[in-house]
């Protein structure tokens, strides 16, 4: 129940930041932005101490750990794969063009005689 209250409070803080942004005159541009950012920071702080916030922080740490395990291809491998993709796209586009042209010829010239 406490976590639900914290999440509602965080939502209210975001709404308060947005309201502060619109209630402060346009001539006070920096103060308007600071009110909005303060509402967001306060909401983030409230979420941080809730159970969903702690779970998200743990998930984020695990995600960073998994991202460090990624093995990136070398420049040569990346260039080869890019070349293969371009070649595949070229071949597929030629195939699609030939099928479209053939079907167009069959339907319009042979069957309908509109050629």
C-alpha atoms as a PDB file:
ATOM      1  CA  UNK A   1       0.000   0.000   0.000  1.00  0.00           C
ATOM      2  CA  UNK A   2       2.887   2.354   0.759  1.00  0.00           C
ATOM      3  CA  UNK A   3       4.276   1.851  -2.750  1.00  0.00           C
ATOM      4  CA  UNK A   4       0.948   2.804  -4.313  1.00  0.00           C
ATOM      5  CA  UNK A   5       0.869   5.939  -2.207  1.00  0.00           C
ATOM      6  CA  UNK A   6       4.433   6.759  -3.268  1.00  0.00           C
ATOM      7  CA  UNK A   7       3.570   6.285  -6.938  1.00  0.00           C
ATOM      8  CA  UNK A   8       0.494   8.496  -6.609  1.00  0.00           C
ATOM      9  CA  UNK A   9       2.629  11.099  -4.853  1.00  0.00           C
ATOM     10  CA  UNK A  10       5.169  10.920  -7.668  1.00  0.00           C
ATOM     11  CA  UNK A  11       2.395  11.486 -10.202  1.00  0.00           C
ATOM     12  CA  UNK A  12       1.134  14.461  -8.217  1.00  0.00           C
ATOM     13  CA  UNK A  13       4.658  15.905  -8.120  1.00  0.00           C
ATOM     14  CA  UNK A  14       4.897  15.637 -11.903  1.00  0.00           C
ATOM     15  CA  UNK A  15       1.503  17.337 -12.228  1.00  0.00           C
ATOM     16  CA  UNK A  16       2.673  20.029  -9.799  1.00  0.00           C
ATOM     17  CA  UNK A  17       5.797  20.602 -11.902  1.00  0.00           C
ATOM     18  CA  UNK A  18       3.693  20.947 -15.044  1.00  0.00           C
ATOM     19  CA  UNK A  19       1.254  23.268 -13.262  1.00  0.00           C
ATOM     20  CA  UNK A  20       4.164  25.352 -11.968  1.00  0.00           C
ATOM     21  CA  UNK A  21       5.487  25.635 -15.504  1.00  0.00           C
ATOM     22  CA  UNK A  22       2.201  27.052 -16.763  1.00  0.00           C
ATOM     23  CA  UNK A  23       1.416  29.215 -13.738  1.00  0.00           C
ATOM     24  CA  UNK A  24       4.727  31.090 -13.811  1.00  0.00           C
ATOM     25  CA  UNK A  25       4.688  33.990 -16.310  1.00  0.00           C
ATOM     26  CA  UNK A  26       6.356  33.462 -19.677  1.00  0.00           C
ATOM     27  CA  UNK A  27       8.852  36.201 -18.946  1.00  0.00           C
ATOM     28  CA  UNK A  28      10.370  33.979 -16.249  1.00  0.00           C
ATOM     29  CA  UNK A  29      11.518  31.270 -18.687  1.00  0.00           C
ATOM     30  CA  UNK A  30      14.309  29.833 -16.553  1.00  0.00           C
ATOM     31  CA  UNK A  31      12.103  29.703 -13.459  1.00  0.00           C
ATOM     32  CA  UNK A  32       9.403  27.909 -15.461  1.00  0.00           C
ATOM     33  CA  UNK A  33      11.838  25.246 -16.600  1.00  0.00           C
ATOM     34  CA  UNK A  34      13.270  24.905 -13.096  1.00  0.00           C
ATOM     35  CA  UNK A  35       9.767  24.347 -11.677  1.00  0.00           C
ATOM     36  CA  UNK A  36       9.123  21.583 -14.182  1.00  0.00           C
ATOM     37  CA  UNK A  37      12.524  19.955 -13.634  1.00  0.00           C
ATOM     38  CA  UNK A  38      12.097  20.196  -9.853  1.00  0.00           C
ATOM     39  CA  UNK A  39       8.767  18.372 -10.120  1.00  0.00           C
ATOM     40  CA  UNK A  40      10.378  15.629 -12.204  1.00  0.00           C
ATOM     41  CA  UNK A  41      13.371  15.293  -9.876  1.00  0.00           C
ATOM     42  CA  UNK A  42      11.149  15.140  -6.802  1.00  0.00           C
ATOM     43  CA  UNK A  43       8.959  12.492  -8.479  1.00  0.00           C
ATOM     44  CA  UNK A  44      12.037  10.481  -9.440  1.00  0.00           C
ATOM     45  CA  UNK A  45      13.260  10.671  -5.838  1.00  0.00           C
ATOM     46  CA  UNK A  46       9.946   9.383  -4.520  1.00  0.00           C
ATOM     47  CA  UNK A  47       9.891   6.567  -7.071  1.00  0.00           C
ATOM     48  CA  UNK A  48      13.517   5.713  -6.227  1.00  0.00           C
ATOM     49  CA  UNK A  49      12.615   4.814  -2.643  1.00  0.00           C
ATOM     50  CA  UNK A  50       9.590   2.689  -3.632  1.00  0.00           C
ATOM     51  CA  UNK A  51       9.768  -1.032  -4.322  1.00  0.00           C
ATOM     52  CA  UNK A  52       9.048  -0.656  -8.077  1.00  0.00           C
ATOM     53  CA  UNK A  53      11.804   1.965  -8.236  1.00  0.00           C
ATOM     54  CA  UNK A  54      14.280  -0.349  -6.524  1.00  0.00           C
ATOM     55  CA  UNK A  55      13.263  -3.192  -8.843  1.00  0.00           C
ATOM     56  CA  UNK A  56      13.799  -0.926 -11.852  1.00  0.00           C
ATOM     57  CA  UNK A  57      17.231   0.112 -10.560  1.00  0.00           C
ATOM     58  CA  UNK A  58      18.203  -3.565 -10.198  1.00  0.00           C
ATOM     59  CA  UNK A  59      16.933  -4.282 -13.699  1.00  0.00           C
ATOM     60  CA  UNK A  60      18.919  -1.342 -15.080  1.00  0.00           C
ATOM     61  CA  UNK A  61      22.108  -2.567 -13.387  1.00  0.00           C
ATOM     62  CA  UNK A  62      21.616  -6.062 -14.803  1.00  0.00           C
ATOM     63  CA  UNK A  63      20.988  -4.582 -18.261  1.00  0.00           C
ATOM     64  CA  UNK A  64      24.250  -2.637 -18.114  1.00  0.00           C
ATOM     65  CA  UNK A  65      26.068  -5.819 -17.084  1.00  0.00           C
ATOM     66  CA  UNK A  66      24.555  -7.713 -20.013  1.00  0.00           C
ATOM     67  CA  UNK A  67      25.433  -4.897 -22.423  1.00  0.00           C
ATOM     68  CA  UNK A  68      29.075  -5.176 -21.370  1.00  0.00           C
ATOM     69  CA  UNK A  69      29.063  -8.839 -22.402  1.00  0.00           C
ATOM     70  CA  UNK A  70      28.141  -7.998 -26.003  1.00  0.00           C
ATOM     71  CA  UNK A  71      30.831  -8.848 -28.535  1.00  0.00           C
ATOM     72  CA  UNK A  72      30.812  -6.289 -31.307  1.00  0.00           C
ATOM     73  CA  UNK A  73      31.936  -7.246 -34.824  1.00  0.00           C
ATOM     74  CA  UNK A  74      35.192  -5.930 -36.206  1.00  0.00           C
ATOM     75  CA  UNK A  75      35.167  -3.269 -38.896  1.00  0.00           C
ATOM     76  CA  UNK A  76      35.881  -5.872 -41.577  1.00  0.00           C
ATOM     77  CA  UNK A  77      33.008  -8.100 -40.423  1.00  0.00           C
ATOM     78  CA  UNK A  78      30.638  -5.141 -40.272  1.00  0.00           C
ATOM     79  CA  UNK A  79      31.573  -4.062 -43.808  1.00  0.00           C
ATOM     80  CA  UNK A  80      31.104  -7.612 -45.125  1.00  0.00           C
ATOM     81  CA  UNK A  81      27.684  -7.949 -43.513  1.00  0.00           C
ATOM     82  CA  UNK A  82      26.654  -4.531 -44.822  1.00  0.00           C
ATOM     83  CA  UNK A  83      27.738  -5.560 -48.317  1.00  0.00           C
ATOM     84  CA  UNK A  84      25.715  -8.766 -48.052  1.00  0.00           C
ATOM     85  CA  UNK A  85      22.651  -6.806 -46.979  1.00  0.00           C
ATOM     86  CA  UNK A  86      23.000  -4.414 -49.920  1.00  0.00           C
ATOM     87  CA  UNK A  87      23.470  -7.355 -52.320  1.00  0.00           C
ATOM     88  CA  UNK A  88      20.403  -9.123 -50.921  1.00  0.00           C
ATOM     89  CA  UNK A  89      18.316  -5.960 -51.244  1.00  0.00           C
ATOM     90  CA  UNK A  90      19.480  -5.500 -54.829  1.00  0.00           C
ATOM     91  CA  UNK A  91      18.658  -9.091 -55.792  1.00  0.00           C
ATOM     92  CA  UNK A  92      15.293  -8.960 -54.048  1.00  0.00           C
ATOM     93  CA  UNK A  93      14.379  -5.640 -55.690  1.00  0.00           C
ATOM     94  CA  UNK A  94      15.277  -7.022 -59.142  1.00  0.00           C
ATOM     95  CA  UNK A  95      13.166 -10.100 -58.442  1.00  0.00           C
ATOM     96  CA  UNK A  96      10.197  -8.011 -57.296  1.00  0.00           C
ATOM     97  CA  UNK A  97      10.526  -5.736 -60.335  1.00  0.00           C
ATOM     98  CA  UNK A  98      10.607  -8.722 -62.703  1.00  0.00           C
ATOM     99  CA  UNK A  99       7.545 -10.324 -61.066  1.00  0.00           C
ATOM    100  CA  UNK A 100       5.658  -7.020 -61.178  1.00  0.00           C
ATOM    101  CA  UNK A 101       6.572  -6.408 -64.810  1.00  0.00           C
ATOM    102  CA  UNK A 102       5.637  -9.970 -65.797  1.00  0.00           C
ATOM    103  CA  UNK A 103       2.279  -9.819 -64.038  1.00  0.00           C
ATOM    104  CA  UNK A 104       1.587  -6.397 -65.519  1.00  0.00           C
ATOM    105  CA  UNK A 105       2.363  -7.708 -69.009  1.00  0.00           C
ATOM    106  CA  UNK A 106       0.203 -10.811 -68.509  1.00  0.00           C
ATOM    107  CA  UNK A 107      -2.817  -8.932 -67.176  1.00  0.00           C
ATOM    108  CA  UNK A 108      -2.734  -5.771 -69.284  1.00  0.00           C
ATOM    109  CA  UNK A 109      -1.311  -6.994 -72.588  1.00  0.00           C
ATOM    110  CA  UNK A 110      -2.409 -10.609 -72.862  1.00  0.00           C
ATOM    111  CA  UNK A 111      -5.673 -10.784 -70.950  1.00  0.00           C
ATOM    112  CA  UNK A 112      -7.105  -7.300 -71.352  1.00  0.00           C
ATOM    113  CA  UNK A 113      -5.437  -6.301 -74.610  1.00  0.00           C
ATOM    114  CA  UNK A 114      -4.744  -2.735 -73.389  1.00  0.00           C
ATOM    115  CA  UNK A 115      -1.050  -2.793 -74.271  1.00  0.00           C
END
